[in-house]
């Protein structure tokens, strides 16, 4: 199944962290696809938080989705992410599972599609680069249409 993953970093060398995460995700799926990198204002973060470098990838995954969640969280920790932290605090790396084909998942640990992705320009705009016509369960239009509706939101500019 095709699984969308958001990548974000706002501490350290943001672009190097995203490059390392892309390489790691390619170890799971050599055919992984990625958007360009975007610089974005922090959304719902503590005052004074640095800007993020964000992008979106899509991988082919054949295992259990909670197994993929375990792998992404372990990788985040290997890059210095703290296990216990305040909500939306600055971080070296954040990997969020966004969707898994057209599946809807509701467990104690995982909700897919990601419940806030449709309101986040820093997710939808990069996602529109790699799968503009994808329909995400729970969103009213295609990825491209949803990204267009968010263009008046927080700053989100392509940097690489």
N, C-alpha and C. Protein backbone atom coordinates (compact mmCIF):
# COMPACT_ATOMS: atom_id res chain seq x y z
N UNK A 1 0.84 -1.18 0.00
CA UNK A 1 0.00 0.00 0.00
C UNK A 1 0.88 1.24 0.00
N UNK A 2 0.40 2.30 -0.62
CA UNK A 2 1.11 3.58 -0.63
C UNK A 2 0.82 4.31 0.67
N UNK A 3 1.88 4.76 1.36
CA UNK A 3 1.76 5.44 2.65
C UNK A 3 2.43 6.80 2.54
N UNK A 4 1.70 7.85 2.89
CA UNK A 4 2.25 9.20 2.91
C UNK A 4 2.86 9.51 4.26
N UNK A 5 4.01 10.19 4.21
CA UNK A 5 4.74 10.53 5.44
C UNK A 5 5.19 11.98 5.35
N UNK A 6 4.88 12.76 6.37
CA UNK A 6 5.35 14.14 6.46
C UNK A 6 6.67 14.14 7.21
N UNK A 7 7.63 14.93 6.71
CA UNK A 7 8.94 15.07 7.33
C UNK A 7 9.11 16.53 7.73
N UNK A 8 9.57 16.79 8.94
CA UNK A 8 9.78 18.16 9.38
C UNK A 8 10.95 18.26 10.34
N UNK A 9 11.62 19.42 10.31
CA UNK A 9 12.73 19.68 11.21
C UNK A 9 12.83 21.18 11.45
N UNK A 10 13.02 21.57 12.72
CA UNK A 10 13.27 22.98 12.99
C UNK A 10 14.39 23.20 14.00
N UNK A 11 15.25 22.21 14.18
CA UNK A 11 16.45 22.35 15.00
C UNK A 11 17.64 21.78 14.25
N UNK A 12 18.81 22.31 14.51
CA UNK A 12 20.02 21.79 13.87
C UNK A 12 20.03 22.13 12.39
N UNK A 13 20.72 21.31 11.60
CA UNK A 13 20.76 21.52 10.16
C UNK A 13 19.53 20.84 9.57
N UNK A 14 18.48 21.62 9.39
CA UNK A 14 17.18 21.10 8.98
C UNK A 14 17.24 20.30 7.68
N UNK A 15 17.90 20.85 6.69
CA UNK A 15 17.93 20.18 5.38
C UNK A 15 18.74 18.89 5.43
N UNK A 16 19.81 18.86 6.22
CA UNK A 16 20.57 17.61 6.38
C UNK A 16 19.73 16.55 7.07
N UNK A 17 18.94 16.96 8.06
CA UNK A 17 18.06 16.00 8.74
C UNK A 17 17.04 15.41 7.78
N UNK A 18 16.46 16.27 6.93
CA UNK A 18 15.49 15.76 5.97
C UNK A 18 16.16 14.84 4.96
N UNK A 19 17.37 15.18 4.53
CA UNK A 19 18.10 14.32 3.58
C UNK A 19 18.38 12.95 4.21
N UNK A 20 18.79 12.94 5.47
CA UNK A 20 19.05 11.67 6.15
C UNK A 20 17.76 10.86 6.28
N UNK A 21 16.65 11.53 6.58
CA UNK A 21 15.37 10.84 6.71
C UNK A 21 14.93 10.28 5.36
N UNK A 22 15.14 11.03 4.29
CA UNK A 22 14.81 10.51 2.95
C UNK A 22 15.61 9.25 2.65
N UNK A 23 16.90 9.28 2.96
CA UNK A 23 17.74 8.10 2.73
C UNK A 23 17.25 6.91 3.55
N UNK A 24 16.88 7.17 4.80
CA UNK A 24 16.37 6.10 5.64
C UNK A 24 15.07 5.53 5.07
N UNK A 25 14.16 6.41 4.63
CA UNK A 25 12.90 5.94 4.05
C UNK A 25 13.15 5.17 2.76
N UNK A 26 14.16 5.56 1.99
CA UNK A 26 14.51 4.80 0.79
C UNK A 26 15.05 3.42 1.13
N UNK A 27 15.57 3.25 2.35
CA UNK A 27 16.00 1.91 2.76
C UNK A 27 14.78 1.00 2.98
N UNK A 28 13.62 1.60 3.27
CA UNK A 28 12.38 0.85 3.41
C UNK A 28 11.73 0.61 2.06
N UNK A 29 11.88 1.58 1.15
CA UNK A 29 11.32 1.48 -0.20
C UNK A 29 12.22 2.27 -1.15
N UNK A 30 13.06 1.57 -1.93
CA UNK A 30 13.95 2.27 -2.86
C UNK A 30 13.22 3.15 -3.87
N UNK A 31 11.94 2.89 -4.09
CA UNK A 31 11.16 3.70 -5.03
C UNK A 31 10.40 4.84 -4.37
N UNK A 32 10.74 5.16 -3.14
CA UNK A 32 10.05 6.25 -2.43
C UNK A 32 10.12 7.54 -3.25
N UNK A 33 9.04 8.32 -3.17
CA UNK A 33 8.97 9.61 -3.88
C UNK A 33 8.87 10.72 -2.84
N UNK A 34 9.47 11.87 -3.17
CA UNK A 34 9.48 12.99 -2.23
C UNK A 34 9.18 14.30 -2.95
N UNK A 35 8.54 15.20 -2.22
CA UNK A 35 8.33 16.56 -2.71
C UNK A 35 9.61 17.35 -2.54
N UNK A 36 9.58 18.57 -3.03
CA UNK A 36 10.63 19.53 -2.72
C UNK A 36 10.58 19.85 -1.22
N UNK A 37 11.57 20.56 -0.74
CA UNK A 37 11.61 21.01 0.65
C UNK A 37 11.00 22.41 0.70
N UNK A 38 10.22 22.64 1.74
CA UNK A 38 9.56 23.93 1.96
C UNK A 38 9.99 24.49 3.30
N UNK A 39 10.13 25.80 3.36
CA UNK A 39 10.33 26.46 4.65
C UNK A 39 8.99 27.00 5.08
N UNK A 40 8.65 26.74 6.34
CA UNK A 40 7.33 27.10 6.82
C UNK A 40 7.40 27.72 8.21
N UNK A 41 6.46 28.61 8.46
CA UNK A 41 6.32 29.15 9.81
C UNK A 41 5.84 28.04 10.74
N UNK A 42 6.27 28.06 12.00
CA UNK A 42 5.77 27.07 12.96
C UNK A 42 4.27 27.28 13.19
N UNK A 43 3.52 26.19 13.25
CA UNK A 43 2.08 26.25 13.45
C UNK A 43 1.76 25.58 14.79
N UNK A 44 1.04 26.28 15.65
CA UNK A 44 0.64 25.77 16.96
C UNK A 44 1.84 25.38 17.82
N UNK A 45 2.96 26.11 17.66
CA UNK A 45 4.19 25.84 18.43
C UNK A 45 4.38 26.95 19.46
N UNK A 46 5.22 26.70 20.46
CA UNK A 46 5.50 27.75 21.45
C UNK A 46 6.08 29.00 20.79
N UNK A 47 5.79 30.14 21.38
CA UNK A 47 6.31 31.41 20.88
C UNK A 47 7.83 31.36 20.72
N UNK A 48 8.32 31.91 19.63
CA UNK A 48 9.76 31.95 19.39
C UNK A 48 10.33 30.69 18.75
N UNK A 49 9.46 29.74 18.40
CA UNK A 49 9.94 28.51 17.75
C UNK A 49 10.53 28.85 16.38
N UNK A 50 11.65 28.20 16.01
CA UNK A 50 12.24 28.46 14.70
C UNK A 50 11.37 27.90 13.57
N UNK A 51 11.59 28.43 12.38
CA UNK A 51 10.88 27.93 11.20
C UNK A 51 11.26 26.49 10.91
N UNK A 52 10.36 25.81 10.23
CA UNK A 52 10.56 24.42 9.85
C UNK A 52 11.03 24.29 8.41
N UNK A 53 11.75 23.22 8.15
CA UNK A 53 11.92 22.69 6.80
C UNK A 53 10.99 21.48 6.77
N UNK A 54 10.10 21.45 5.78
CA UNK A 54 9.12 20.38 5.66
C UNK A 54 9.13 19.80 4.26
N UNK A 55 8.76 18.54 4.16
CA UNK A 55 8.47 17.91 2.88
C UNK A 55 7.61 16.70 3.14
N UNK A 56 7.15 16.10 2.05
CA UNK A 56 6.28 14.94 2.14
C UNK A 56 6.87 13.86 1.25
N UNK A 57 6.76 12.62 1.72
CA UNK A 57 7.18 11.48 0.93
C UNK A 57 6.07 10.45 0.85
N UNK A 58 6.22 9.54 -0.09
CA UNK A 58 5.28 8.44 -0.21
C UNK A 58 6.08 7.18 -0.45
N UNK A 59 5.82 6.15 0.36
CA UNK A 59 6.53 4.88 0.23
C UNK A 59 5.53 3.76 0.00
N UNK A 60 6.03 2.67 -0.55
CA UNK A 60 5.25 1.44 -0.66
C UNK A 60 5.57 0.61 0.57
N UNK A 61 4.53 0.22 1.32
CA UNK A 61 4.71 -0.51 2.58
C UNK A 61 3.81 -1.73 2.56
N UNK A 62 4.36 -2.87 2.89
CA UNK A 62 3.60 -4.10 2.88
C UNK A 62 3.31 -4.67 4.25
N UNK A 63 3.80 -4.04 5.29
CA UNK A 63 3.64 -4.57 6.64
C UNK A 63 2.50 -3.90 7.38
N UNK A 64 2.46 -4.16 8.69
CA UNK A 64 1.46 -3.56 9.56
C UNK A 64 1.76 -2.07 9.73
N UNK A 65 0.72 -1.26 9.74
CA UNK A 65 0.91 0.19 9.86
C UNK A 65 1.48 0.57 11.22
N UNK A 66 1.09 -0.11 12.29
CA UNK A 66 1.68 0.20 13.59
C UNK A 66 3.15 -0.21 13.63
N UNK A 67 3.53 -1.19 12.85
CA UNK A 67 4.94 -1.54 12.72
C UNK A 67 5.72 -0.41 12.06
N UNK A 68 5.12 0.22 11.03
CA UNK A 68 5.76 1.37 10.40
C UNK A 68 5.85 2.54 11.37
N UNK A 69 4.80 2.74 12.16
CA UNK A 69 4.84 3.79 13.20
C UNK A 69 5.98 3.53 14.17
N UNK A 70 6.14 2.28 14.61
CA UNK A 70 7.24 1.93 15.52
C UNK A 70 8.59 2.27 14.88
N UNK A 71 8.76 1.94 13.61
CA UNK A 71 10.02 2.21 12.91
C UNK A 71 10.29 3.71 12.80
N UNK A 72 9.27 4.48 12.43
CA UNK A 72 9.49 5.93 12.29
C UNK A 72 9.80 6.57 13.64
N UNK A 73 9.14 6.12 14.70
CA UNK A 73 9.42 6.69 16.02
C UNK A 73 10.82 6.30 16.50
N UNK A 74 11.24 5.09 16.22
CA UNK A 74 12.60 4.69 16.59
C UNK A 74 13.62 5.50 15.82
N UNK A 75 13.35 5.76 14.54
CA UNK A 75 14.27 6.57 13.75
C UNK A 75 14.34 8.01 14.30
N UNK A 76 13.19 8.58 14.65
CA UNK A 76 13.18 9.92 15.25
C UNK A 76 14.07 9.95 16.50
N UNK A 77 13.93 8.95 17.35
CA UNK A 77 14.74 8.90 18.58
C UNK A 77 16.22 8.76 18.25
N UNK A 78 16.54 8.00 17.20
CA UNK A 78 17.95 7.85 16.81
C UNK A 78 18.55 9.17 16.34
N UNK A 79 17.70 10.10 15.94
CA UNK A 79 18.15 11.42 15.49
C UNK A 79 18.06 12.46 16.61
N UNK A 80 17.77 12.01 17.84
CA UNK A 80 17.80 12.93 18.98
C UNK A 80 16.46 13.40 19.48
N UNK A 81 15.38 12.88 18.94
CA UNK A 81 14.07 13.30 19.43
C UNK A 81 13.80 12.68 20.79
N UNK A 82 13.34 13.49 21.71
CA UNK A 82 13.02 13.03 23.06
C UNK A 82 11.69 12.29 23.05
N UNK A 83 11.60 11.23 23.85
CA UNK A 83 10.37 10.45 23.93
C UNK A 83 9.25 11.21 24.62
N UNK A 84 9.57 11.92 25.69
CA UNK A 84 8.57 12.71 26.42
C UNK A 84 8.91 14.18 26.17
N UNK A 85 7.95 14.91 25.65
CA UNK A 85 8.19 16.30 25.30
C UNK A 85 6.88 17.07 25.32
N UNK A 86 6.99 18.38 25.36
CA UNK A 86 5.79 19.22 25.28
C UNK A 86 5.24 19.16 23.85
N UNK A 87 3.95 19.33 23.73
CA UNK A 87 3.30 19.30 22.41
C UNK A 87 3.88 20.39 21.51
N UNK A 88 4.25 20.00 20.30
CA UNK A 88 4.72 20.91 19.25
C UNK A 88 6.00 21.67 19.61
N UNK A 89 6.81 21.14 20.50
CA UNK A 89 8.07 21.82 20.81
C UNK A 89 9.03 21.64 19.63
N UNK A 90 10.07 22.48 19.57
CA UNK A 90 11.07 22.38 18.51
C UNK A 90 11.68 20.99 18.52
N UNK A 91 12.03 20.49 17.32
CA UNK A 91 12.57 19.14 17.22
C UNK A 91 13.49 18.99 16.02
N UNK A 92 14.45 18.11 16.19
CA UNK A 92 15.39 17.81 15.13
C UNK A 92 14.67 17.15 13.97
N UNK A 93 13.76 16.24 14.28
CA UNK A 93 13.06 15.52 13.22
C UNK A 93 11.69 15.09 13.70
N UNK A 94 10.72 15.23 12.81
CA UNK A 94 9.36 14.78 13.05
C UNK A 94 8.91 14.02 11.81
N UNK A 95 8.47 12.78 12.00
CA UNK A 95 7.92 11.98 10.91
C UNK A 95 6.49 11.62 11.29
N UNK A 96 5.54 12.03 10.48
CA UNK A 96 4.13 11.73 10.75
C UNK A 96 3.55 10.91 9.61
N UNK A 97 2.92 9.80 9.94
CA UNK A 97 2.18 9.03 8.94
C UNK A 97 0.93 9.83 8.59
N UNK A 98 0.69 10.01 7.29
CA UNK A 98 -0.43 10.83 6.83
C UNK A 98 -1.62 10.01 6.36
N UNK A 99 -1.37 9.00 5.56
CA UNK A 99 -2.43 8.16 5.01
C UNK A 99 -1.82 6.83 4.58
N UNK A 100 -2.69 5.87 4.38
CA UNK A 100 -2.31 4.56 3.87
C UNK A 100 -3.38 4.16 2.87
N UNK A 101 -3.12 4.48 1.58
CA UNK A 101 -4.12 4.28 0.52
C UNK A 101 -5.41 4.94 0.96
N UNK A 102 -6.52 4.21 0.89
CA UNK A 102 -7.82 4.76 1.30
C UNK A 102 -8.28 4.21 2.65
N UNK A 103 -7.35 3.64 3.39
CA UNK A 103 -7.71 3.03 4.68
C UNK A 103 -7.98 4.09 5.73
N UNK A 104 -8.87 3.75 6.62
CA UNK A 104 -9.13 4.57 7.79
C UNK A 104 -8.76 3.73 9.01
N UNK A 105 -7.85 4.25 9.82
CA UNK A 105 -7.33 3.52 10.97
C UNK A 105 -7.60 4.36 12.22
N UNK A 106 -8.16 3.76 13.24
CA UNK A 106 -8.42 4.42 14.51
C UNK A 106 -8.00 3.47 15.62
N UNK A 107 -6.77 3.63 16.12
CA UNK A 107 -6.32 2.85 17.26
C UNK A 107 -5.86 3.82 18.33
N UNK A 108 -5.47 3.30 19.47
CA UNK A 108 -4.98 4.16 20.55
C UNK A 108 -3.72 4.92 20.13
N UNK A 109 -2.93 4.33 19.22
CA UNK A 109 -1.65 4.93 18.83
C UNK A 109 -1.65 5.60 17.46
N UNK A 110 -2.60 5.28 16.62
CA UNK A 110 -2.51 5.71 15.22
C UNK A 110 -3.88 6.07 14.68
N UNK A 111 -3.94 7.24 14.02
CA UNK A 111 -5.15 7.66 13.31
C UNK A 111 -4.75 8.01 11.89
N UNK A 112 -5.37 7.33 10.95
CA UNK A 112 -5.15 7.60 9.53
C UNK A 112 -6.49 7.70 8.83
N UNK A 113 -6.62 8.66 7.93
CA UNK A 113 -5.67 9.71 7.63
C UNK A 113 -5.39 10.58 8.86
N UNK A 114 -4.23 11.24 8.81
CA UNK A 114 -3.84 12.13 9.91
C UNK A 114 -4.96 13.14 10.12
N UNK A 115 -5.44 13.29 11.35
CA UNK A 115 -6.63 14.12 11.58
C UNK A 115 -6.46 15.60 11.29
N UNK A 116 -5.25 16.12 11.23
CA UNK A 116 -5.07 17.55 11.00
C UNK A 116 -4.42 17.87 9.64
N UNK A 117 -4.16 16.86 8.82
CA UNK A 117 -3.43 17.11 7.59
C UNK A 117 -4.15 18.06 6.64
N UNK A 118 -5.47 17.97 6.56
CA UNK A 118 -6.23 18.80 5.62
C UNK A 118 -6.23 20.28 5.94
N UNK A 119 -5.80 20.64 7.14
CA UNK A 119 -5.72 22.05 7.52
C UNK A 119 -4.30 22.57 7.58
N UNK A 120 -3.35 21.77 7.13
CA UNK A 120 -1.94 22.15 7.24
C UNK A 120 -1.34 22.37 5.86
N UNK A 121 -1.12 23.63 5.56
CA UNK A 121 -0.53 23.98 4.26
C UNK A 121 0.82 23.31 4.08
N UNK A 122 1.62 23.22 5.16
CA UNK A 122 2.96 22.64 5.07
C UNK A 122 2.93 21.15 4.77
N UNK A 123 1.76 20.53 4.85
CA UNK A 123 1.58 19.14 4.42
C UNK A 123 0.96 19.09 3.03
N UNK A 124 -0.12 19.81 2.84
CA UNK A 124 -0.89 19.68 1.60
C UNK A 124 -0.18 20.25 0.38
N UNK A 125 0.53 21.35 0.53
CA UNK A 125 1.21 21.92 -0.63
C UNK A 125 2.32 21.00 -1.16
N UNK A 126 3.21 20.48 -0.30
CA UNK A 126 4.19 19.51 -0.81
C UNK A 126 3.54 18.23 -1.32
N UNK A 127 2.48 17.78 -0.66
CA UNK A 127 1.80 16.56 -1.09
C UNK A 127 1.21 16.73 -2.48
N UNK A 128 0.76 17.93 -2.80
CA UNK A 128 0.19 18.20 -4.12
C UNK A 128 1.24 18.03 -5.23
N UNK A 129 2.51 18.13 -4.90
CA UNK A 129 3.56 17.90 -5.89
C UNK A 129 3.64 16.44 -6.30
N UNK A 130 3.44 15.53 -5.36
CA UNK A 130 3.69 14.12 -5.67
C UNK A 130 2.42 13.32 -5.95
N UNK A 131 1.28 13.80 -5.50
CA UNK A 131 0.03 13.07 -5.79
C UNK A 131 -1.16 14.04 -5.80
N UNK A 132 -1.18 14.96 -6.76
CA UNK A 132 -2.20 16.02 -6.77
C UNK A 132 -3.64 15.53 -6.88
N UNK A 133 -3.86 14.42 -7.55
CA UNK A 133 -5.23 13.95 -7.77
C UNK A 133 -5.70 12.94 -6.72
N UNK A 134 -4.84 12.63 -5.75
CA UNK A 134 -5.22 11.67 -4.71
C UNK A 134 -6.39 12.24 -3.91
N UNK A 135 -7.34 11.37 -3.61
CA UNK A 135 -8.45 11.71 -2.71
C UNK A 135 -8.14 11.06 -1.37
N UNK A 136 -8.16 11.85 -0.32
CA UNK A 136 -7.90 11.38 1.04
C UNK A 136 -9.25 11.27 1.75
N UNK A 137 -9.54 10.11 2.33
CA UNK A 137 -10.81 9.99 3.06
C UNK A 137 -10.96 11.11 4.09
N UNK A 138 -12.13 11.74 4.09
CA UNK A 138 -12.41 12.81 5.04
C UNK A 138 -12.14 14.20 4.51
N UNK A 139 -11.39 14.31 3.39
CA UNK A 139 -11.16 15.63 2.79
C UNK A 139 -12.14 15.82 1.64
N UNK A 140 -12.63 17.05 1.46
CA UNK A 140 -13.70 17.27 0.48
C UNK A 140 -13.27 17.22 -0.99
N UNK A 141 -12.00 17.39 -1.26
CA UNK A 141 -11.55 17.41 -2.66
C UNK A 141 -10.28 16.62 -2.82
N UNK A 142 -9.62 16.86 -3.94
CA UNK A 142 -8.32 16.22 -4.17
C UNK A 142 -7.26 16.93 -3.33
N UNK A 143 -6.07 16.34 -3.30
CA UNK A 143 -4.95 16.97 -2.59
C UNK A 143 -4.68 18.35 -3.19
N UNK A 144 -4.67 18.45 -4.52
CA UNK A 144 -4.42 19.75 -5.17
C UNK A 144 -5.47 20.78 -4.76
N UNK A 145 -6.74 20.39 -4.76
CA UNK A 145 -7.80 21.33 -4.38
C UNK A 145 -7.65 21.77 -2.94
N UNK A 146 -7.37 20.84 -2.05
CA UNK A 146 -7.21 21.18 -0.63
C UNK A 146 -6.02 22.11 -0.44
N UNK A 147 -4.91 21.84 -1.12
CA UNK A 147 -3.74 22.73 -1.03
C UNK A 147 -4.10 24.13 -1.50
N UNK A 148 -4.88 24.23 -2.56
CA UNK A 148 -5.29 25.54 -3.08
C UNK A 148 -6.12 26.33 -2.08
N UNK A 149 -6.97 25.63 -1.34
CA UNK A 149 -7.81 26.31 -0.35
C UNK A 149 -6.98 26.86 0.80
N UNK A 150 -5.80 26.29 1.03
CA UNK A 150 -4.96 26.69 2.16
C UNK A 150 -3.93 27.76 1.81
N UNK A 151 -3.85 28.18 0.58
CA UNK A 151 -2.78 29.08 0.14
C UNK A 151 -2.74 30.41 0.87
N UNK A 152 -3.81 30.80 1.52
CA UNK A 152 -3.82 32.07 2.24
C UNK A 152 -3.41 31.88 3.69
N UNK A 153 -2.98 30.68 4.05
CA UNK A 153 -2.61 30.38 5.44
C UNK A 153 -1.18 30.78 5.74
N UNK A 154 -0.61 30.12 6.71
CA UNK A 154 0.75 30.40 7.18
C UNK A 154 1.76 30.32 6.04
N UNK A 155 2.87 31.01 6.19
CA UNK A 155 3.92 31.05 5.17
C UNK A 155 4.42 29.63 4.88
N UNK A 156 4.56 29.36 3.58
CA UNK A 156 5.04 28.06 3.13
C UNK A 156 5.67 28.31 1.77
N UNK A 157 7.02 28.32 1.72
CA UNK A 157 7.68 28.60 0.43
C UNK A 157 8.68 27.51 0.10
N UNK A 158 8.69 27.17 -1.16
CA UNK A 158 9.59 26.12 -1.66
C UNK A 158 11.04 26.62 -1.60
N UNK A 159 11.93 25.81 -1.00
CA UNK A 159 13.34 26.22 -0.91
C UNK A 159 14.28 25.22 -1.55
N UNK A 160 13.80 24.08 -1.97
CA UNK A 160 14.71 23.13 -2.59
C UNK A 160 14.04 21.87 -3.04
